[in-house]
C-alpha cells in the first residue's frame, strides 16, 4: 500500500534522513522506533505529505504522491490518511462528536451523515456516553480515542501516529494498543506508529529501527 524509497532530508546543513526506505501493507501495524532526534517524526511528516523530502520516491497504492499538486496532496490527505499525534489537537470549543465530524465536513459531507458516522465511531471506541463532552471534560485516554475516531472518520487506508501513547499511563497505553490492533484487524486500515515504547513495538507486525537518519537492524 505504501512504499517509500531512499528518502533524504536535510535542514540547512543538518542531515536528518539519509536514504530511508519503508513499506507498509494493508491492515499492518508497523512500528518506527528510535531515540529522540533520529528522524522518526520527520519521516512521518514526509510520508503524510506535510513536508517534502530533498530526494526519494513515495508511492501510495502505486500512485506517486510526490508529483501531486498542493491541492491534490490536501485532497489525498483528507481522503486516504488519518493522523494521530501525541498531543491530541482537539478543538477545545467543540464537543467530542463535533471534533470527530471535522474531516467529513472538510470533505463536504452533510451534517446528518457526518454526525451519524461520528457517533458510530465513538460508540465503537466506547465513548458514546461522552459524545457531548468537550475535551477539557475528558481524560487523556478518552481524548486520544476521540482523536483516533477523528482519524478514522473518512475511512482512510492508512493512519500515521506520532507517539500516540506518549502522554498516557501504562494501563491506558495498553488499552490503546489493544484498540489499534483490533481496528487494523477489523477494518484493514494500516497503522504506521512512531514510538519509544518497546512493548508496543514488539507487538507490531513489523518494526523499523532508525538511528542517525538511517535504518538499522
C-alpha atoms as a PDB file:
ATOM      1  CA  UNK A   1       0.000   0.000   0.000  1.00  0.00           C
ATOM      2  CA  UNK A   2       2.763   2.449   0.984  1.00  0.00           C
ATOM      3  CA  UNK A   3       6.310   2.339  -0.326  1.00  0.00           C
ATOM      4  CA  UNK A   4       8.952   4.987   0.326  1.00  0.00           C
ATOM      5  CA  UNK A   5      12.342   4.631  -1.345  1.00  0.00           C
ATOM      6  CA  UNK A   6      15.638   6.370  -0.460  1.00  0.00           C
ATOM      7  CA  UNK A   7      14.194   9.347   1.398  1.00  0.00           C
ATOM      8  CA  UNK A   8      16.726  12.079   2.096  1.00  0.00           C
ATOM      9  CA  UNK A   9      16.009  15.220   4.118  1.00  0.00           C
ATOM     10  CA  UNK A  10      18.243  17.982   5.442  1.00  0.00           C
ATOM     11  CA  UNK A  11      17.526  21.192   7.293  1.00  0.00           C
ATOM     12  CA  UNK A  12      20.272  23.669   6.434  1.00  0.00           C
ATOM     13  CA  UNK A  13      23.457  21.620   6.990  1.00  0.00           C
ATOM     14  CA  UNK A  14      21.832  19.051   9.274  1.00  0.00           C
ATOM     15  CA  UNK A  15      21.191  15.721   7.523  1.00  0.00           C
ATOM     16  CA  UNK A  16      18.094  14.270   9.187  1.00  0.00           C
ATOM     17  CA  UNK A  17      17.249  11.389   6.828  1.00  0.00           C
ATOM     18  CA  UNK A  18      19.980   9.667   4.823  1.00  0.00           C
ATOM     19  CA  UNK A  19      18.295   7.330   2.374  1.00  0.00           C
ATOM     20  CA  UNK A  20      15.466   5.759   4.383  1.00  0.00           C
ATOM     21  CA  UNK A  21      13.079   3.210   2.821  1.00  0.00           C
ATOM     22  CA  UNK A  22       9.785   1.968   4.328  1.00  0.00           C
ATOM     23  CA  UNK A  23       6.966  -0.336   3.224  1.00  0.00           C
ATOM     24  CA  UNK A  24       3.560  -0.948   4.755  1.00  0.00           C
ATOM     25  CA  UNK A  25       0.756  -3.261   3.639  1.00  0.00           C
ATOM     26  CA  UNK A  26      -2.982  -3.028   4.132  1.00  0.00           C
ATOM     27  CA  UNK A  27      -4.055  -3.928   7.669  1.00  0.00           C
ATOM     28  CA  UNK A  28      -0.500  -3.933   9.027  1.00  0.00           C
ATOM     29  CA  UNK A  29       0.631  -2.297  12.236  1.00  0.00           C
ATOM     30  CA  UNK A  30       4.222  -1.155  11.721  1.00  0.00           C
ATOM     31  CA  UNK A  31       6.332   0.460  14.443  1.00  0.00           C
ATOM     32  CA  UNK A  32       9.017   3.040  13.730  1.00  0.00           C
ATOM     33  CA  UNK A  33      11.371   3.159  16.704  1.00  0.00           C
ATOM     34  CA  UNK A  34      14.497   5.060  17.619  1.00  0.00           C
ATOM     35  CA  UNK A  35      15.855   7.666  20.012  1.00  0.00           C
ATOM     36  CA  UNK A  36      14.806  11.301  20.016  1.00  0.00           C
ATOM     37  CA  UNK A  37      16.306  13.185  17.077  1.00  0.00           C
ATOM     38  CA  UNK A  38      16.770  10.045  14.979  1.00  0.00           C
ATOM     39  CA  UNK A  39      14.437  11.321  12.234  1.00  0.00           C
ATOM     40  CA  UNK A  40      11.251   9.366  13.023  1.00  0.00           C
ATOM     41  CA  UNK A  41       8.825  12.281  13.162  1.00  0.00           C
ATOM     42  CA  UNK A  42      10.413  13.909  10.129  1.00  0.00           C
ATOM     43  CA  UNK A  43       9.859  10.725   8.145  1.00  0.00           C
ATOM     44  CA  UNK A  44       6.249  10.537   9.306  1.00  0.00           C
ATOM     45  CA  UNK A  45       5.646  14.142   8.224  1.00  0.00           C
ATOM     46  CA  UNK A  46       7.105  13.390   4.786  1.00  0.00           C
ATOM     47  CA  UNK A  47       5.063  10.206   4.363  1.00  0.00           C
ATOM     48  CA  UNK A  48       1.967  12.233   5.225  1.00  0.00           C
ATOM     49  CA  UNK A  49       2.880  14.863   2.587  1.00  0.00           C
ATOM     50  CA  UNK A  50       3.118  17.504   5.310  1.00  0.00           C
ATOM     51  CA  UNK A  51       6.767  18.041   4.369  1.00  0.00           C
ATOM     52  CA  UNK A  52       8.820  17.339   1.260  1.00  0.00           C
ATOM     53  CA  UNK A  53      11.981  15.223   1.026  1.00  0.00           C
ATOM     54  CA  UNK A  54      15.083  16.532  -0.689  1.00  0.00           C
ATOM     55  CA  UNK A  55      15.019  13.387  -2.808  1.00  0.00           C
ATOM     56  CA  UNK A  56      13.405   9.972  -2.930  1.00  0.00           C
ATOM     57  CA  UNK A  57      10.125   8.435  -4.021  1.00  0.00           C
ATOM     58  CA  UNK A  58       6.861   7.731  -2.217  1.00  0.00           C
ATOM     59  CA  UNK A  59       4.135   5.544  -3.715  1.00  0.00           C
ATOM     60  CA  UNK A  60       0.709   5.053  -2.213  1.00  0.00           C
ATOM     61  CA  UNK A  61      -1.270   2.291  -3.905  1.00  0.00           C
ATOM     62  CA  UNK A  62       1.155   2.660  -6.859  1.00  0.00           C
ATOM     63  CA  UNK A  63       0.465   6.410  -7.102  1.00  0.00           C
ATOM     64  CA  UNK A  64       3.493   8.733  -6.993  1.00  0.00           C
ATOM     65  CA  UNK A  65       2.231  11.155  -4.350  1.00  0.00           C
ATOM     66  CA  UNK A  66       5.244  13.476  -4.541  1.00  0.00           C
ATOM     67  CA  UNK A  67       4.105  14.509  -8.015  1.00  0.00           C
ATOM     68  CA  UNK A  68       0.738  15.740  -6.757  1.00  0.00           C
ATOM     69  CA  UNK A  69      -0.044  19.451  -6.637  1.00  0.00           C
ATOM     70  CA  UNK A  70      -0.581  21.064  -3.242  1.00  0.00           C
ATOM     71  CA  UNK A  71      -4.348  20.920  -3.738  1.00  0.00           C
ATOM     72  CA  UNK A  72      -4.129  17.254  -4.747  1.00  0.00           C
ATOM     73  CA  UNK A  73      -1.979  16.485  -1.695  1.00  0.00           C
ATOM     74  CA  UNK A  74      -4.559  18.111   0.579  1.00  0.00           C
ATOM     75  CA  UNK A  75      -7.277  16.017  -1.055  1.00  0.00           C
ATOM     76  CA  UNK A  76      -5.123  12.891  -0.740  1.00  0.00           C
ATOM     77  CA  UNK A  77      -4.569  13.507   2.976  1.00  0.00           C
ATOM     78  CA  UNK A  78      -8.268  14.068   3.604  1.00  0.00           C
ATOM     79  CA  UNK A  79      -9.372  11.020   1.616  1.00  0.00           C
ATOM     80  CA  UNK A  80      -6.670   8.441   2.321  1.00  0.00           C
ATOM     81  CA  UNK A  81      -4.817   9.313   5.520  1.00  0.00           C
ATOM     82  CA  UNK A  82      -5.619   9.759   9.181  1.00  0.00           C
ATOM     83  CA  UNK A  83      -3.312  11.430  11.681  1.00  0.00           C
ATOM     84  CA  UNK A  84      -2.953  10.804  15.419  1.00  0.00           C
ATOM     85  CA  UNK A  85      -0.466  12.833  17.427  1.00  0.00           C
ATOM     86  CA  UNK A  86       0.945  12.720  20.961  1.00  0.00           C
ATOM     87  CA  UNK A  87      -0.927  15.932  21.711  1.00  0.00           C
ATOM     88  CA  UNK A  88      -4.493  15.344  20.654  1.00  0.00           C
ATOM     89  CA  UNK A  89      -5.072  18.663  18.819  1.00  0.00           C
ATOM     90  CA  UNK A  90      -8.782  18.562  19.585  1.00  0.00           C
ATOM     91  CA  UNK A  91     -10.572  21.889  19.225  1.00  0.00           C
ATOM     92  CA  UNK A  92     -11.444  22.902  22.793  1.00  0.00           C
ATOM     93  CA  UNK A  93     -14.656  24.749  21.944  1.00  0.00           C
ATOM     94  CA  UNK A  94     -16.186  21.726  20.187  1.00  0.00           C
ATOM     95  CA  UNK A  95     -17.657  18.543  21.648  1.00  0.00           C
ATOM     96  CA  UNK A  96     -16.118  15.116  21.066  1.00  0.00           C
ATOM     97  CA  UNK A  97     -18.755  14.448  18.414  1.00  0.00           C
ATOM     98  CA  UNK A  98     -18.087  17.742  16.632  1.00  0.00           C
ATOM     99  CA  UNK A  99     -14.316  17.154  16.683  1.00  0.00           C
ATOM    100  CA  UNK A 100     -14.780  13.760  15.045  1.00  0.00           C
ATOM    101  CA  UNK A 101     -17.027  15.283  12.363  1.00  0.00           C
ATOM    102  CA  UNK A 102     -14.451  17.833  11.156  1.00  0.00           C
ATOM    103  CA  UNK A 103     -12.722  15.706   8.443  1.00  0.00           C
ATOM    104  CA  UNK A 104     -16.119  14.827   6.946  1.00  0.00           C
ATOM    105  CA  UNK A 105     -17.161  18.476   6.884  1.00  0.00           C
ATOM    106  CA  UNK A 106     -13.913  19.296   5.065  1.00  0.00           C
ATOM    107  CA  UNK A 107     -14.777  16.565   2.588  1.00  0.00           C
ATOM    108  CA  UNK A 108     -18.162  18.223   2.009  1.00  0.00           C
ATOM    109  CA  UNK A 109     -20.397  15.559   3.535  1.00  0.00           C
ATOM    110  CA  UNK A 110     -23.733  16.507   5.065  1.00  0.00           C
ATOM    111  CA  UNK A 111     -24.157  17.227   8.761  1.00  0.00           C
ATOM    112  CA  UNK A 112     -26.603  14.363   9.240  1.00  0.00           C
ATOM    113  CA  UNK A 113     -24.357  11.807   7.532  1.00  0.00           C
ATOM    114  CA  UNK A 114     -21.257  13.071   9.328  1.00  0.00           C
ATOM    115  CA  UNK A 115     -22.921  13.114  12.738  1.00  0.00           C
ATOM    116  CA  UNK A 116     -24.257   9.579  12.336  1.00  0.00           C
ATOM    117  CA  UNK A 117     -20.832   8.178  11.387  1.00  0.00           C
ATOM    118  CA  UNK A 118     -19.052  10.156  14.123  1.00  0.00           C
ATOM    119  CA  UNK A 119     -21.437   8.827  16.769  1.00  0.00           C
ATOM    120  CA  UNK A 120     -20.987   5.284  15.465  1.00  0.00           C
ATOM    121  CA  UNK A 121     -17.198   5.620  15.686  1.00  0.00           C
ATOM    122  CA  UNK A 122     -17.378   6.999  19.217  1.00  0.00           C
ATOM    123  CA  UNK A 123     -19.668   4.121  20.142  1.00  0.00           C
ATOM    124  CA  UNK A 124     -17.195   1.589  18.713  1.00  0.00           C
ATOM    125  CA  UNK A 125     -14.450   3.190  20.798  1.00  0.00           C
ATOM    126  CA  UNK A 126     -16.541   3.123  23.967  1.00  0.00           C
ATOM    127  CA  UNK A 127     -17.230   6.847  24.047  1.00  0.00           C
ATOM    128  CA  UNK A 128     -20.882   7.204  23.067  1.00  0.00           C
ATOM    129  CA  UNK A 129     -21.728   8.497  26.555  1.00  0.00           C
ATOM    130  CA  UNK A 130     -19.044  11.180  26.168  1.00  0.00           C
ATOM    131  CA  UNK A 131     -20.086  12.450  22.735  1.00  0.00           C
ATOM    132  CA  UNK A 132     -21.447  15.753  24.058  1.00  0.00           C
ATOM    133  CA  UNK A 133     -18.435  16.439  26.292  1.00  0.00           C
ATOM    134  CA  UNK A 134     -15.733  18.936  25.390  1.00  0.00           C
ATOM    135  CA  UNK A 135     -12.043  17.926  25.511  1.00  0.00           C
ATOM    136  CA  UNK A 136     -11.494  19.579  28.898  1.00  0.00           C
ATOM    137  CA  UNK A 137     -14.112  17.214  30.326  1.00  0.00           C
ATOM    138  CA  UNK A 138     -12.345  14.089  29.011  1.00  0.00           C
ATOM    139  CA  UNK A 139      -9.403  12.126  30.379  1.00  0.00           C
ATOM    140  CA  UNK A 140      -6.184  11.880  28.380  1.00  0.00           C
ATOM    141  CA  UNK A 141      -7.066   8.385  27.192  1.00  0.00           C
ATOM    142  CA  UNK A 142     -10.551   9.499  26.169  1.00  0.00           C
ATOM    143  CA  UNK A 143      -9.138  12.444  24.241  1.00  0.00           C
ATOM    144  CA  UNK A 144      -6.772  10.129  22.396  1.00  0.00           C
ATOM    145  CA  UNK A 145      -9.634   7.799  21.488  1.00  0.00           C
ATOM    146  CA  UNK A 146     -11.547  10.810  20.144  1.00  0.00           C
ATOM    147  CA  UNK A 147      -8.518  11.681  18.012  1.00  0.00           C
ATOM    148  CA  UNK A 148      -8.462   8.095  16.682  1.00  0.00           C
ATOM    149  CA  UNK A 149     -12.169   8.327  15.847  1.00  0.00           C
ATOM    150  CA  UNK A 150     -11.465  11.600  14.029  1.00  0.00           C
ATOM    151  CA  UNK A 151      -8.620   9.939  12.113  1.00  0.00           C
ATOM    152  CA  UNK A 152     -10.974   7.142  11.048  1.00  0.00           C
ATOM    153  CA  UNK A 153     -13.810   9.471  10.041  1.00  0.00           C
ATOM    154  CA  UNK A 154     -13.199   9.446   6.276  1.00  0.00           C
ATOM    155  CA  UNK A 155     -12.376   5.726   6.167  1.00  0.00           C
ATOM    156  CA  UNK A 156      -8.648   6.183   5.442  1.00  0.00           C
ATOM    157  CA  UNK A 157      -6.400   3.421   4.204  1.00  0.00           C
ATOM    158  CA  UNK A 158      -3.526   4.458   6.467  1.00  0.00           C
ATOM    159  CA  UNK A 159      -3.183   6.126   9.858  1.00  0.00           C
ATOM    160  CA  UNK A 160       0.083   7.829  10.759  1.00  0.00           C
ATOM    161  CA  UNK A 161       0.532   8.061  14.528  1.00  0.00           C
ATOM    162  CA  UNK A 162       3.303  10.029  16.251  1.00  0.00           C
ATOM    163  CA  UNK A 163       3.863   8.846  19.841  1.00  0.00           C
ATOM    164  CA  UNK A 164       0.117   8.280  20.403  1.00  0.00           C
ATOM    165  CA  UNK A 165       0.661   6.967  23.944  1.00  0.00           C
ATOM    166  CA  UNK A 166       3.388   9.423  24.925  1.00  0.00           C
ATOM    167  CA  UNK A 167       1.250  11.234  27.500  1.00  0.00           C
ATOM    168  CA  UNK A 168      -0.731   8.240  28.777  1.00  0.00           C
ATOM    169  CA  UNK A 169      -0.255   5.997  31.801  1.00  0.00           C
ATOM    170  CA  UNK A 170       0.660   2.327  31.367  1.00  0.00           C
ATOM    171  CA  UNK A 171      -2.864   0.927  31.690  1.00  0.00           C
ATOM    172  CA  UNK A 172      -4.360   3.469  29.269  1.00  0.00           C
ATOM    173  CA  UNK A 173      -1.493   2.889  26.842  1.00  0.00           C
ATOM    174  CA  UNK A 174      -2.141  -0.850  26.841  1.00  0.00           C
ATOM    175  CA  UNK A 175      -5.834  -0.246  26.162  1.00  0.00           C
ATOM    176  CA  UNK A 176      -4.917   1.996  23.241  1.00  0.00           C
ATOM    177  CA  UNK A 177      -2.558  -0.654  21.841  1.00  0.00           C
ATOM    178  CA  UNK A 178      -5.342  -3.217  22.016  1.00  0.00           C
ATOM    179  CA  UNK A 179      -7.672  -0.833  20.214  1.00  0.00           C
ATOM    180  CA  UNK A 180      -5.165  -0.131  17.424  1.00  0.00           C
ATOM    181  CA  UNK A 181      -4.585  -3.815  16.678  1.00  0.00           C
ATOM    182  CA  UNK A 182      -8.297  -4.532  16.827  1.00  0.00           C
ATOM    183  CA  UNK A 183      -9.029  -1.716  14.360  1.00  0.00           C
ATOM    184  CA  UNK A 184      -6.324  -2.898  11.959  1.00  0.00           C
ATOM    185  CA  UNK A 185      -7.724  -6.428  12.001  1.00  0.00           C
ATOM    186  CA  UNK A 186     -11.379  -5.431  11.681  1.00  0.00           C
ATOM    187  CA  UNK A 187     -11.127  -2.577   9.180  1.00  0.00           C
ATOM    188  CA  UNK A 188      -7.971  -3.337   7.187  1.00  0.00           C
ATOM    189  CA  UNK A 189      -6.588   0.133   7.885  1.00  0.00           C
ATOM    190  CA  UNK A 190      -2.805   0.251   8.208  1.00  0.00           C
ATOM    191  CA  UNK A 191      -1.027   1.937  11.108  1.00  0.00           C
ATOM    192  CA  UNK A 192       2.484   3.382  10.998  1.00  0.00           C
ATOM    193  CA  UNK A 193       3.353   4.327  14.558  1.00  0.00           C
ATOM    194  CA  UNK A 194       6.329   6.332  15.766  1.00  0.00           C
ATOM    195  CA  UNK A 195       7.010   5.156  19.303  1.00  0.00           C
ATOM    196  CA  UNK A 196       9.595   4.908  22.047  1.00  0.00           C
ATOM    197  CA  UNK A 197       7.521   2.179  23.642  1.00  0.00           C
ATOM    198  CA  UNK A 198       9.245  -1.162  23.184  1.00  0.00           C
ATOM    199  CA  UNK A 199       6.169  -3.089  24.334  1.00  0.00           C
ATOM    200  CA  UNK A 200       4.085  -1.622  21.528  1.00  0.00           C
ATOM    201  CA  UNK A 201       6.884  -2.107  19.003  1.00  0.00           C
ATOM    202  CA  UNK A 202       7.230  -5.768  19.979  1.00  0.00           C
ATOM    203  CA  UNK A 203       3.533  -6.352  19.263  1.00  0.00           C
ATOM    204  CA  UNK A 204       3.652  -4.746  15.825  1.00  0.00           C
ATOM    205  CA  UNK A 205       3.596  -6.835  12.670  1.00  0.00           C
ATOM    206  CA  UNK A 206       6.956  -5.325  11.732  1.00  0.00           C
ATOM    207  CA  UNK A 207       9.456  -2.867  13.148  1.00  0.00           C
ATOM    208  CA  UNK A 208      11.747  -0.321  11.555  1.00  0.00           C
ATOM    209  CA  UNK A 209      14.630   0.976  13.655  1.00  0.00           C
ATOM    210  CA  UNK A 210      16.037   4.357  12.742  1.00  0.00           C
ATOM    211  CA  UNK A 211      19.300   5.764  14.092  1.00  0.00           C
ATOM    212  CA  UNK A 212      21.008   8.966  12.990  1.00  0.00           C
ATOM    213  CA  UNK A 213      18.801   9.164   9.915  1.00  0.00           C
ATOM    214  CA  UNK A 214      19.484   5.577   8.773  1.00  0.00           C
ATOM    215  CA  UNK A 215      17.564   2.329   9.069  1.00  0.00           C
ATOM    216  CA  UNK A 216      19.433  -0.194  11.202  1.00  0.00           C
ATOM    217  CA  UNK A 217      18.828  -3.846  12.018  1.00  0.00           C
END
